[in-house]
Amino acid sequence: MLDHLSIQCADVGASAAFYDAVLAPLGGVRLMDFGAVIGYGVPPMPDFWLGERQTGTGFRECHIAFQAPDRAGVRAFQAAASAAGAEVLHEARVWPEYHQHYYGAFVRDPDGNNVEAVCHQPE
């Protein structure tokens, strides 16, 4: 059900060195590296991400993405979140910077985490 998970790190380089080592025996590899953001997984797609700590003191916001079966599911996720009073961070749309069919919506959960529904299929 999860599509990918991101965590914030105080020192991305130190965390990357750790995850390079501990994920290798599990078949996980560094698949994308943007310096301050690093994606791991089993090819072809990363499903675990590290990023620089950017928010809060004590609390570190998590980004959790749930895989939707289709784009209608992403829109339904956003509608349900809105109906529940959640802040919509990004309306459902295609995010071509990720890949040509990446369709996602982002909302805040009650604890302040960035929660996403995503579909990787074309319309």
C-alpha atoms as a PDB file:
ATOM      1  CA  MET A   1       0.000   0.000   0.000  1.00  0.00           C
ATOM      2  CA  LEU A   2       2.857   2.449   0.662  1.00  0.00           C
ATOM      3  CA  ASP A   3       4.458   3.979  -2.400  1.00  0.00           C
ATOM      4  CA  HIS A   4       7.388   5.704  -0.701  1.00  0.00           C
ATOM      5  CA  LEU A   5       8.525   7.157   2.620  1.00  0.00           C
ATOM      6  CA  SER A   6      10.734  10.201   3.287  1.00  0.00           C
ATOM      7  CA  ILE A   7      12.472  11.087   6.536  1.00  0.00           C
ATOM      8  CA  GLN A   8      14.294  14.255   7.551  1.00  0.00           C
ATOM      9  CA  CYS A   9      17.889  13.986   8.705  1.00  0.00           C
ATOM     10  CA  ALA A  10      20.157  16.356  10.624  1.00  0.00           C
ATOM     11  CA  ASP A  11      23.137  15.215   8.516  1.00  0.00           C
ATOM     12  CA  VAL A  12      22.126  13.727   5.148  1.00  0.00           C
ATOM     13  CA  GLY A  13      25.701  12.648   4.337  1.00  0.00           C
ATOM     14  CA  ALA A  14      26.079  10.660   7.547  1.00  0.00           C
ATOM     15  CA  SER A  15      22.625   9.148   7.150  1.00  0.00           C
ATOM     16  CA  ALA A  16      23.335   8.265   3.520  1.00  0.00           C
ATOM     17  CA  ALA A  17      26.536   6.469   4.490  1.00  0.00           C
ATOM     18  CA  PHE A  18      24.592   4.490   7.095  1.00  0.00           C
ATOM     19  CA  TYR A  19      21.745   3.578   4.706  1.00  0.00           C
ATOM     20  CA  ASP A  20      24.198   2.733   1.902  1.00  0.00           C
ATOM     21  CA  ALA A  21      25.640   0.129   4.260  1.00  0.00           C
ATOM     22  CA  VAL A  22      22.540  -1.274   5.929  1.00  0.00           C
ATOM     23  CA  LEU A  23      20.303  -1.428   2.860  1.00  0.00           C
ATOM     24  CA  ALA A  24      22.855  -3.131   0.580  1.00  0.00           C
ATOM     25  CA  PRO A  25      22.376  -6.575   2.161  1.00  0.00           C
ATOM     26  CA  LEU A  26      18.634  -6.194   1.620  1.00  0.00           C
ATOM     27  CA  GLY A  27      19.017  -5.407  -2.086  1.00  0.00           C
ATOM     28  CA  GLY A  28      18.373  -1.688  -1.580  1.00  0.00           C
ATOM     29  CA  VAL A  29      20.563   0.728  -3.491  1.00  0.00           C
ATOM     30  CA  ARG A  30      20.895   4.482  -3.945  1.00  0.00           C
ATOM     31  CA  LEU A  31      18.837   5.114  -7.064  1.00  0.00           C
ATOM     32  CA  MET A  32      18.625   8.928  -7.047  1.00  0.00           C
ATOM     33  CA  ASP A  33      20.939  11.472  -5.479  1.00  0.00           C
ATOM     34  CA  PHE A  34      20.142  15.177  -5.582  1.00  0.00           C
ATOM     35  CA  GLY A  35      22.650  15.965  -2.817  1.00  0.00           C
ATOM     36  CA  ALA A  36      20.212  17.118  -0.155  1.00  0.00           C
ATOM     37  CA  VAL A  37      17.674  14.447  -1.173  1.00  0.00           C
ATOM     38  CA  ILE A  38      18.582  10.796  -1.722  1.00  0.00           C
ATOM     39  CA  GLY A  39      16.304   7.975  -2.878  1.00  0.00           C
ATOM     40  CA  TYR A  40      16.802   4.282  -2.136  1.00  0.00           C
ATOM     41  CA  GLY A  41      15.044   1.156  -3.253  1.00  0.00           C
ATOM     42  CA  VAL A  42      15.100  -1.883  -5.465  1.00  0.00           C
ATOM     43  CA  PRO A  43      15.341  -0.822  -9.128  1.00  0.00           C
ATOM     44  CA  PRO A  44      13.697   0.767 -10.941  1.00  0.00           C
ATOM     45  CA  MET A  45      11.995   3.109  -8.426  1.00  0.00           C
ATOM     46  CA  PRO A  46      13.136   4.505  -5.067  1.00  0.00           C
ATOM     47  CA  ASP A  47      10.703   3.964  -2.198  1.00  0.00           C
ATOM     48  CA  PHE A  48      12.701   5.297   0.758  1.00  0.00           C
ATOM     49  CA  TRP A  49      14.037   8.861   0.807  1.00  0.00           C
ATOM     50  CA  LEU A  50      16.354  10.917   2.992  1.00  0.00           C
ATOM     51  CA  GLY A  51      16.231  14.700   3.085  1.00  0.00           C
ATOM     52  CA  GLU A  52      17.649  17.596   5.056  1.00  0.00           C
ATOM     53  CA  ARG A  53      15.859  18.538   8.252  1.00  0.00           C
ATOM     54  CA  GLN A  54      13.866  21.629   7.346  1.00  0.00           C
ATOM     55  CA  THR A  55      10.993  21.926   9.793  1.00  0.00           C
ATOM     56  CA  GLY A  56      10.375  22.166  13.507  1.00  0.00           C
ATOM     57  CA  THR A  57      12.362  21.592  16.626  1.00  0.00           C
ATOM     58  CA  GLY A  58      11.946  18.157  18.090  1.00  0.00           C
ATOM     59  CA  PHE A  59       9.223  17.104  15.654  1.00  0.00           C
ATOM     60  CA  ARG A  60      10.443  16.148  12.215  1.00  0.00           C
ATOM     61  CA  GLU A  61       7.791  16.081   9.547  1.00  0.00           C
ATOM     62  CA  CYS A  62       7.449  12.805   7.647  1.00  0.00           C
ATOM     63  CA  HIS A  63       6.246  12.418   4.086  1.00  0.00           C
ATOM     64  CA  ILE A  64       4.196   9.276   3.562  1.00  0.00           C
ATOM     65  CA  ALA A  65       2.865   8.311   0.134  1.00  0.00           C
ATOM     66  CA  PHE A  66       0.150   5.761  -0.401  1.00  0.00           C
ATOM     67  CA  GLN A  67      -0.236   4.133  -3.798  1.00  0.00           C
ATOM     68  CA  ALA A  68      -3.591   4.728  -5.472  1.00  0.00           C
ATOM     69  CA  PRO A  69      -4.982   2.289  -8.048  1.00  0.00           C
ATOM     70  CA  ASP A  70      -5.757   5.105 -10.525  1.00  0.00           C
ATOM     71  CA  ARG A  71      -6.002   8.878 -10.827  1.00  0.00           C
ATOM     72  CA  ALA A  72      -9.604   8.850  -9.669  1.00  0.00           C
ATOM     73  CA  GLY A  73      -8.360   7.298  -6.431  1.00  0.00           C
ATOM     74  CA  VAL A  74      -5.924  10.205  -5.963  1.00  0.00           C
ATOM     75  CA  ARG A  75      -8.752  12.686  -6.438  1.00  0.00           C
ATOM     76  CA  ALA A  76     -10.973  10.727  -4.027  1.00  0.00           C
ATOM     77  CA  PHE A  77      -8.159  10.750  -1.448  1.00  0.00           C
ATOM     78  CA  GLN A  78      -7.885  14.536  -1.744  1.00  0.00           C
ATOM     79  CA  ALA A  79     -11.653  14.985  -1.494  1.00  0.00           C
ATOM     80  CA  ALA A  80     -11.864  12.801   1.616  1.00  0.00           C
ATOM     81  CA  ALA A  81      -8.967  14.667   3.233  1.00  0.00           C
ATOM     82  CA  SER A  82     -10.586  18.018   2.480  1.00  0.00           C
ATOM     83  CA  ALA A  83     -13.907  16.788   3.862  1.00  0.00           C
ATOM     84  CA  ALA A  84     -12.116  15.785   7.050  1.00  0.00           C
ATOM     85  CA  GLY A  85     -10.716  19.307   7.406  1.00  0.00           C
ATOM     86  CA  ALA A  86      -7.145  18.548   6.260  1.00  0.00           C
ATOM     87  CA  GLU A  87      -5.010  21.272   4.697  1.00  0.00           C
ATOM     88  CA  VAL A  88      -4.389  20.548   1.020  1.00  0.00           C
ATOM     89  CA  LEU A  89      -0.713  21.206   0.319  1.00  0.00           C
ATOM     90  CA  HIS A  90      -0.843  20.441  -3.413  1.00  0.00           C
ATOM     91  CA  GLU A  91      -3.937  19.727  -5.483  1.00  0.00           C
ATOM     92  CA  ALA A  92      -4.031  16.512  -7.511  1.00  0.00           C
ATOM     93  CA  ARG A  93      -2.013  16.952 -10.695  1.00  0.00           C
ATOM     94  CA  VAL A  94       0.701  15.439 -12.877  1.00  0.00           C
ATOM     95  CA  TRP A  95       4.218  16.045 -11.508  1.00  0.00           C
ATOM     96  CA  PRO A  96       6.428  15.669 -14.631  1.00  0.00           C
ATOM     97  CA  GLU A  97       9.573  16.523 -12.653  1.00  0.00           C
ATOM     98  CA  TYR A  98       9.198  13.080 -11.028  1.00  0.00           C
ATOM     99  CA  HIS A  99       8.155  11.231 -14.201  1.00  0.00           C
ATOM    100  CA  GLN A 100       5.666  11.715 -17.039  1.00  0.00           C
ATOM    101  CA  HIS A 101       2.785   9.788 -15.419  1.00  0.00           C
ATOM    102  CA  TYR A 102       3.316  10.761 -11.759  1.00  0.00           C
ATOM    103  CA  TYR A 103      -0.079  11.955 -10.526  1.00  0.00           C
ATOM    104  CA  GLY A 104      -0.316  12.943  -6.876  1.00  0.00           C
ATOM    105  CA  ALA A 105      -2.097  15.018  -4.234  1.00  0.00           C
ATOM    106  CA  PHE A 106      -0.542  16.103  -0.934  1.00  0.00           C
ATOM    107  CA  VAL A 107      -2.296  16.911   2.370  1.00  0.00           C
ATOM    108  CA  ARG A 108      -1.391  17.435   6.040  1.00  0.00           C
ATOM    109  CA  ASP A 109      -2.411  14.805   8.554  1.00  0.00           C
ATOM    110  CA  PRO A 110      -3.565  15.879  12.041  1.00  0.00           C
ATOM    111  CA  ASP A 111       0.014  15.702  13.336  1.00  0.00           C
ATOM    112  CA  GLY A 112       1.441  17.880  10.568  1.00  0.00           C
ATOM    113  CA  ASN A 113       2.938  15.178   8.336  1.00  0.00           C
ATOM    114  CA  ASN A 114       2.836  15.484   4.552  1.00  0.00           C
ATOM    115  CA  VAL A 115       0.688  12.608   3.300  1.00  0.00           C
ATOM    116  CA  GLU A 116       0.283  11.834  -0.383  1.00  0.00           C
ATOM    117  CA  ALA A 117      -1.744   9.611  -2.650  1.00  0.00           C
ATOM    118  CA  VAL A 118       0.017   8.790  -5.928  1.00  0.00           C
ATOM    119  CA  CYS A 119      -0.711   6.907  -9.129  1.00  0.00           C
ATOM    120  CA  HIS A 120       2.066   6.078 -11.605  1.00  0.00           C
ATOM    121  CA  GLN A 121      -0.222   5.071 -14.486  1.00  0.00           C
ATOM    122  CA  PRO A 122      -1.305   7.230 -17.440  1.00  0.00           C
ATOM    123  CA  GLU A 123      -4.903   8.512 -17.510  1.00  0.00           C
END
